């Protein structure tokens, strides 16, 4: 009798296919058991955490702003220790005010407050807008101002029309110039040894261009300053660094250029320095010469 075997025993390729399919299933099961497929989920969770943290930080900032004390107008003569700390004053600055008050003296102006306490310009600018003086102080300041500024025929008389010799009181007669700005103008004028160009006035910190225009409607650049120049070939690093418009990096470049060329025959050779600020050349050569 002839025995008939199942058909698949005679198909070798089918047996190989079944074997491969079983092997593939086993491999996939192993991979699924040992490999973590949650990376995408973790990445998504991390993004959500970052978004939540950003929201928390934003709410914290809002809460901090809410907790900041509201500053109401106050008489600077009666600042307490606690109030001074709230305003940003140091212990030393507060102590100076207390010592001053113990002498039965009173603050009469914002500049007077700075003179007594020695606070910085930035802090004074920040808090002086809240100063509230009693009427007798306000009237006293008006009398002082009228003693300085003379009115004749409805016009303000100033001590000079030259911007390089104008006093603080002279500058304050211009609209937009308060005592602090007038002080900064004079301080900067002293630093650069006087204004040579009108545009130098606009270099004063926090002086707007339109205010500078108003100033030059009252004052003129009549006499340019006489500035003693430094010989660039013999100048030391410290001397060069003391010159307005020359910072540390430029000073270093000038010294290196001097060493390279041995001696500058003309001050215009400064323009050959790589990275030299050509726009500041006219200002820098006010203080330098080549001999």
Protein backbone atom coordinates (compact mmCIF):
# COMPACT_ATOMS: atom_id res chain seq x y z
CA UNK A 1 0.00 0.00 0.00
CA UNK A 2 1.34 3.46 -0.92
CA UNK A 3 1.43 5.92 1.93
CA UNK A 4 0.51 9.47 0.99
CA UNK A 5 2.23 12.14 3.16
CA UNK A 6 0.72 15.56 3.81
CA UNK A 7 1.42 18.02 1.04
CA UNK A 8 3.58 20.36 3.13
CA UNK A 9 6.20 17.71 3.69
CA UNK A 10 6.87 17.79 0.01
CA UNK A 11 7.15 21.66 -0.17
CA UNK A 12 10.52 22.59 1.25
CA UNK A 13 10.08 26.31 0.60
CA UNK A 14 6.88 26.30 2.60
CA UNK A 15 8.58 24.59 5.51
CA UNK A 16 11.30 27.25 5.43
CA UNK A 17 8.67 29.97 5.34
CA UNK A 18 6.88 28.61 8.39
CA UNK A 19 10.17 28.31 10.24
CA UNK A 20 11.11 31.91 9.39
CA UNK A 21 7.69 33.18 10.51
CA UNK A 22 8.00 31.45 13.87
CA UNK A 23 11.53 32.82 14.29
CA UNK A 24 10.35 36.35 13.48
CA UNK A 25 7.57 36.12 16.06
CA UNK A 26 10.07 35.01 18.71
CA UNK A 27 12.45 37.88 17.87
CA UNK A 28 9.66 40.46 18.04
CA UNK A 29 8.56 39.12 21.42
CA UNK A 30 12.10 39.40 22.72
CA UNK A 31 12.44 42.96 21.40
CA UNK A 32 9.14 43.96 22.94
CA UNK A 33 10.25 42.55 26.29
CA UNK A 34 13.62 44.27 26.47
CA UNK A 35 13.32 47.51 24.48
CA UNK A 36 11.63 50.61 25.98
CA UNK A 37 9.21 52.16 23.52
CA UNK A 38 8.12 54.96 25.89
CA UNK A 39 10.71 57.55 24.67
CA UNK A 40 8.10 59.51 22.80
CA UNK A 41 5.79 59.45 25.81
CA UNK A 42 8.65 60.59 28.08
CA UNK A 43 9.51 63.41 25.65
CA UNK A 44 5.89 64.51 25.64
CA UNK A 45 5.78 64.40 29.44
CA UNK A 46 9.01 66.45 29.65
CA UNK A 47 7.51 69.14 27.40
CA UNK A 48 4.41 69.28 29.58
CA UNK A 49 6.56 69.62 32.70
CA UNK A 50 8.53 72.47 31.13
CA UNK A 51 5.35 74.27 30.15
CA UNK A 52 3.96 73.83 33.65
CA UNK A 53 7.22 75.12 35.20
CA UNK A 54 7.12 78.18 32.94
CA UNK A 55 3.56 78.90 34.11
CA UNK A 56 4.62 78.52 37.74
CA UNK A 57 7.58 80.88 37.24
CA UNK A 58 5.29 83.42 35.60
CA UNK A 59 2.85 83.25 38.50
CA UNK A 60 5.74 83.64 40.97
CA UNK A 61 6.89 86.82 39.21
CA UNK A 62 3.38 88.23 39.31
CA UNK A 63 3.12 87.42 43.02
CA UNK A 64 6.50 89.04 43.73
CA UNK A 65 5.40 92.20 41.92
CA UNK A 66 2.19 92.25 43.96
CA UNK A 67 4.17 91.99 47.19
CA UNK A 68 6.39 94.97 46.35
CA UNK A 69 5.47 97.89 48.57
CA UNK A 70 3.64 100.78 46.93
CA UNK A 71 5.58 104.03 47.31
CA UNK A 72 3.49 107.03 48.23
CA UNK A 73 4.77 110.64 48.29
CA UNK A 74 6.78 111.29 51.45
CA UNK A 75 8.90 113.93 53.16
CA UNK A 76 12.55 112.81 52.78
CA UNK A 77 13.46 114.41 56.10
CA UNK A 78 11.49 111.72 57.95
CA UNK A 79 12.65 108.47 56.37
CA UNK A 80 12.80 105.64 58.91
CA UNK A 81 15.22 102.71 58.83
CA UNK A 82 12.51 100.44 57.43
CA UNK A 83 11.43 102.98 54.81
CA UNK A 84 15.03 103.58 53.76
CA UNK A 85 15.66 99.87 53.21
CA UNK A 86 12.45 99.64 51.16
CA UNK A 87 13.69 102.48 48.97
CA UNK A 88 17.01 100.73 48.37
CA UNK A 89 19.21 102.82 50.65
CA UNK A 90 22.16 101.29 52.46
CA UNK A 91 22.50 101.35 56.26
CA UNK A 92 25.30 103.93 55.98
CA UNK A 93 23.15 106.24 53.86
CA UNK A 94 20.26 105.98 56.30
CA UNK A 95 22.58 106.65 59.26
CA UNK A 96 23.87 109.83 57.59
CA UNK A 97 20.30 111.11 57.30
CA UNK A 98 19.56 110.25 60.94
CA UNK A 99 22.69 112.07 62.14
CA UNK A 100 21.68 115.08 60.03
CA UNK A 101 18.16 115.10 61.51
CA UNK A 102 19.48 114.85 65.08
CA UNK A 103 20.98 118.30 64.49
CA UNK A 104 17.39 119.55 64.02
CA UNK A 105 18.02 120.15 60.32
CA UNK A 106 15.70 119.42 57.40
CA UNK A 107 16.13 118.31 53.81
CA UNK A 108 15.29 121.18 51.46
CA UNK A 109 15.65 119.61 48.00
CA UNK A 110 16.49 116.41 46.15
CA UNK A 111 20.09 117.54 45.57
CA UNK A 112 20.35 118.39 49.27
CA UNK A 113 19.12 114.88 50.11
CA UNK A 114 21.86 113.37 47.92
CA UNK A 115 24.49 115.64 49.47
CA UNK A 116 23.52 114.52 53.00
CA UNK A 117 23.03 110.79 52.34
CA UNK A 118 25.52 110.40 49.45
CA UNK A 119 23.16 108.10 47.55
CA UNK A 120 23.91 107.34 43.90
CA UNK A 121 22.52 109.34 40.99
CA UNK A 122 20.54 106.31 39.82
CA UNK A 123 18.81 105.83 43.18
CA UNK A 124 18.11 109.54 43.50
CA UNK A 125 16.55 109.53 40.03
CA UNK A 126 14.41 106.55 41.06
CA UNK A 127 12.99 107.93 44.32
CA UNK A 128 13.16 111.73 44.07
CA UNK A 129 9.88 111.82 42.15
CA UNK A 130 8.14 110.74 45.38
CA UNK A 131 9.64 113.54 47.50
CA UNK A 132 7.00 115.81 49.00
CA UNK A 133 8.24 118.91 50.82
CA UNK A 134 6.17 121.11 53.14
CA UNK A 135 4.98 124.46 51.81
CA UNK A 136 7.59 126.46 53.71
CA UNK A 137 10.37 124.49 51.97
CA UNK A 138 8.75 124.91 48.54
CA UNK A 139 8.40 128.66 49.07
CA UNK A 140 11.98 128.88 50.31
CA UNK A 141 13.23 127.12 47.17
CA UNK A 142 11.23 129.51 44.99
CA UNK A 143 12.87 132.48 46.70
CA UNK A 144 16.32 130.93 46.18
CA UNK A 145 15.61 130.31 42.51
CA UNK A 146 14.38 133.85 41.94
CA UNK A 147 17.56 135.12 43.59
CA UNK A 148 19.63 133.21 41.05
CA UNK A 149 17.62 133.76 37.88
CA UNK A 150 17.06 137.43 37.08
CA UNK A 151 14.04 138.51 35.05
CA UNK A 152 14.21 141.70 33.06
CA UNK A 153 11.44 142.89 30.78
CA UNK A 154 9.81 139.45 30.90
CA UNK A 155 13.00 137.74 29.69
CA UNK A 156 15.30 135.45 31.65
CA UNK A 157 18.78 136.86 32.14
CA UNK A 158 21.58 134.30 32.35
CA UNK A 159 25.14 134.83 33.47
CA UNK A 160 26.59 133.74 30.11
CA UNK A 161 25.49 132.58 26.68
CA UNK A 162 28.56 130.35 26.25
CA UNK A 163 27.76 126.66 26.75
CA UNK A 164 31.28 126.02 28.06
CA UNK A 165 30.93 128.46 30.94
CA UNK A 166 27.22 128.13 31.72
CA UNK A 167 26.44 127.41 35.36
CA UNK A 168 23.95 124.87 36.69
CA UNK A 169 21.48 127.67 37.32
CA UNK A 170 21.94 128.96 33.77
CA UNK A 171 21.21 125.55 32.28
CA UNK A 172 18.11 125.12 34.43
CA UNK A 173 16.48 128.08 32.69
CA UNK A 174 16.03 125.85 29.62
CA UNK A 175 12.79 123.87 29.40
CA UNK A 176 13.45 120.18 30.04
CA UNK A 177 16.62 120.72 32.09
CA UNK A 178 16.21 119.97 35.80
CA UNK A 179 18.85 120.14 38.50
CA UNK A 180 20.06 116.58 37.90
CA UNK A 181 20.43 116.96 34.15
CA UNK A 182 22.20 120.29 34.59
CA UNK A 183 24.66 118.63 36.98
CA UNK A 184 25.30 115.79 34.52
CA UNK A 185 25.94 118.26 31.68
CA UNK A 186 28.55 120.11 33.72
CA UNK A 187 30.12 116.87 34.93
CA UNK A 188 30.45 115.56 31.37
CA UNK A 189 31.72 118.94 30.14
CA UNK A 190 34.48 118.79 32.75
CA UNK A 191 35.35 115.21 31.78
CA UNK A 192 35.88 116.03 28.10
CA UNK A 193 37.51 119.36 29.02
CA UNK A 194 34.79 121.39 27.34
CA UNK A 195 32.52 121.05 24.33
CA UNK A 196 34.24 121.36 20.97
CA UNK A 197 31.36 120.05 18.86
CA UNK A 198 27.66 120.66 19.44
CA UNK A 199 26.96 116.95 19.00
CA UNK A 200 29.02 116.20 22.13
CA UNK A 201 26.16 117.56 24.23
CA UNK A 202 24.00 114.65 23.07
CA UNK A 203 26.51 112.25 24.63
CA UNK A 204 25.36 113.31 28.10
CA UNK A 205 23.52 110.43 29.77
CA UNK A 206 19.72 110.66 29.42
CA UNK A 207 19.80 113.96 27.52
CA UNK A 208 17.27 113.83 24.70
CA UNK A 209 18.11 115.30 21.30
CA UNK A 210 15.21 117.78 21.41
CA UNK A 211 16.43 119.06 24.81
CA UNK A 212 19.92 119.53 23.36
CA UNK A 213 18.34 121.57 20.57
CA UNK A 214 16.57 123.74 23.16
CA UNK A 215 19.85 124.26 25.02
CA UNK A 216 21.57 125.54 21.88
CA UNK A 217 18.72 127.95 21.29
CA UNK A 218 19.82 129.66 24.50
CA UNK A 219 23.54 128.94 24.55
CA UNK A 220 26.17 128.98 21.82
CA UNK A 221 29.52 127.32 21.27
CA UNK A 222 31.36 130.64 21.30
CA UNK A 223 34.75 129.66 22.66
CA UNK A 224 36.08 126.20 22.02
CA UNK A 225 38.22 124.78 24.83
CA UNK A 226 41.99 124.82 24.65
CA UNK A 227 43.02 121.24 25.36
CA UNK A 228 46.62 120.30 26.10
CA UNK A 229 47.45 117.41 23.79
CA UNK A 230 49.45 114.29 24.66
CA UNK A 231 52.23 113.03 22.39
CA UNK A 232 51.02 109.65 21.20
CA UNK A 233 54.59 108.42 20.65
CA UNK A 234 55.61 108.92 24.28
CA UNK A 235 52.24 108.40 25.98
CA UNK A 236 51.95 105.59 28.51
CA UNK A 237 49.08 103.11 28.56
CA UNK A 238 47.58 104.91 31.55
CA UNK A 239 47.78 108.31 29.85
CA UNK A 240 46.07 107.04 26.71
CA UNK A 241 43.37 105.33 28.75
CA UNK A 242 42.60 108.61 30.54
CA UNK A 243 41.60 110.22 27.25
CA UNK A 244 37.84 110.44 26.60
CA UNK A 245 36.62 108.18 23.78
CA UNK A 246 39.51 105.73 24.25
CA UNK A 247 38.53 102.50 26.00
CA UNK A 248 40.76 99.65 27.11
CA UNK A 249 40.60 97.71 23.82
CA UNK A 250 41.40 100.74 21.68
CA UNK A 251 44.19 101.76 24.04
CA UNK A 252 45.74 98.31 23.66
CA UNK A 253 45.52 98.51 19.85
CA UNK A 254 47.21 101.93 19.80
CA UNK A 255 50.07 100.67 21.99
CA UNK A 256 50.54 97.60 19.78
CA UNK A 257 50.52 99.78 16.66
CA UNK A 258 53.14 102.06 18.20
CA UNK A 259 55.40 99.08 18.85
CA UNK A 260 54.91 97.90 15.29
CA UNK A 261 55.71 101.19 13.49
CA UNK A 262 58.22 102.44 16.10
CA UNK A 263 56.97 106.03 15.72
CA UNK A 264 53.94 107.73 14.23
CA UNK A 265 54.93 110.47 11.79
CA UNK A 266 51.40 111.81 11.63
CA UNK A 267 48.44 111.52 13.95
CA UNK A 268 46.37 110.44 10.93
CA UNK A 269 48.24 107.12 11.01
CA UNK A 270 45.84 106.14 13.80
CA UNK A 271 43.31 105.47 11.05
CA UNK A 272 45.53 102.60 9.85
CA UNK A 273 44.85 100.68 13.07
CA UNK A 274 42.54 97.75 12.41
CA UNK A 275 39.19 98.37 14.05
CA UNK A 276 39.91 102.04 14.81
CA UNK A 277 36.60 103.95 15.30
CA UNK A 278 36.79 106.42 12.42
CA UNK A 279 33.61 108.14 13.61
CA UNK A 280 35.44 109.13 16.82
CA UNK A 281 38.68 110.23 15.13
CA UNK A 282 37.85 113.96 15.21
CA UNK A 283 37.17 113.72 18.96
CA UNK A 284 40.19 111.57 19.83
CA UNK A 285 42.68 113.85 18.07
CA UNK A 286 41.52 116.71 20.28
CA UNK A 287 43.67 115.09 22.95
CA UNK A 288 46.49 113.51 20.90
CA UNK A 289 49.26 114.64 18.60
CA UNK A 290 52.29 113.01 16.95
CA UNK A 291 55.67 114.68 17.45
